Amino acid sequence: MIRYFGLFINQTSNLRFVPFVGIDDFAWRKGHRYGVLICDGLTHQPVDVLPDREKETLENWFKEHTMIIKVTRDRYTRFKEVLDGISSITQIHDRFHLIQNLWTLHDNVLRKLLPNRIEKDKQENVPTPQEIPLTKSEKARIENANKKWEQACHMKELKKEGYSLRKIGDILNIDPRTVKKYIEMTEPPSLKRTKRPKPLDAFQQEVIQWETDGLTIRAMYHNLKEKGWTKITG
């Protein structure tokens, strides 16, 4: 792909620059080194490739191409920093990132306007049990589950739009394997903690009955050993 970009740009070195370009980063080497691809905003053909995405590299490129007045970009912060410093350029979000920004704003507004819990209307003269306040760990578990489900729904939408697991991972800075796991979710994460089975669980009813009958701990222990229970230590 990179060889193609280089060949194309060399062949079109005299291409007339239009005042509208789109910029996006890509990986020369995944997780180590990134470059920037610059495309004609009208023809969508590549017009230049920058060796890295450093602020100075981007600033120098735009200083050399003062005819640029409109730039389409994603939400990468360095793109924003550079373009914010060039008053002559109008920044444009692509459709995906525009919708993503609106959705984020929508969530923030709802969180400010709506209470954390919405109770159903209570019938008159019907006593209701006193609500037990949630502990910090319970609140954190609920918030974490909600965030996971919201993120999973977002990933499902990106997948429907044709984005690959790797691209979704790049956009959200998440491992593609985690993206796959989230996309396969069919419902919000369960808030119930999974109870680990214990060797003694199989004898629970017998132990309750022995306690009712008044057996001593020593007698219960003897009965359990006869039934095959082995004490596990460690």
Foldseek 3Di string as FASTA:
>chain_A
DVVVLVVVQVVCVVPDADQEKEKDKDDPPPPPFIKMWIARPPVRHTNDIGRGLDLVSVLVVCVVVVSHAEYEYAVDPSVVVNVVVPVSHDYDYPPVRVVVVVVVVVVVVCPVPDDPDDDDDDDPPDDDDDDDDDDPVLVVLVVVLVVLLVVLVVLLVVVVVPDDLVRSCVVVVHPSVVNVVSVPDPDGDDSDDDDDDDLCPVCVVVVVVCVVVPDDPVVVVVVCVVVPRDDDDD
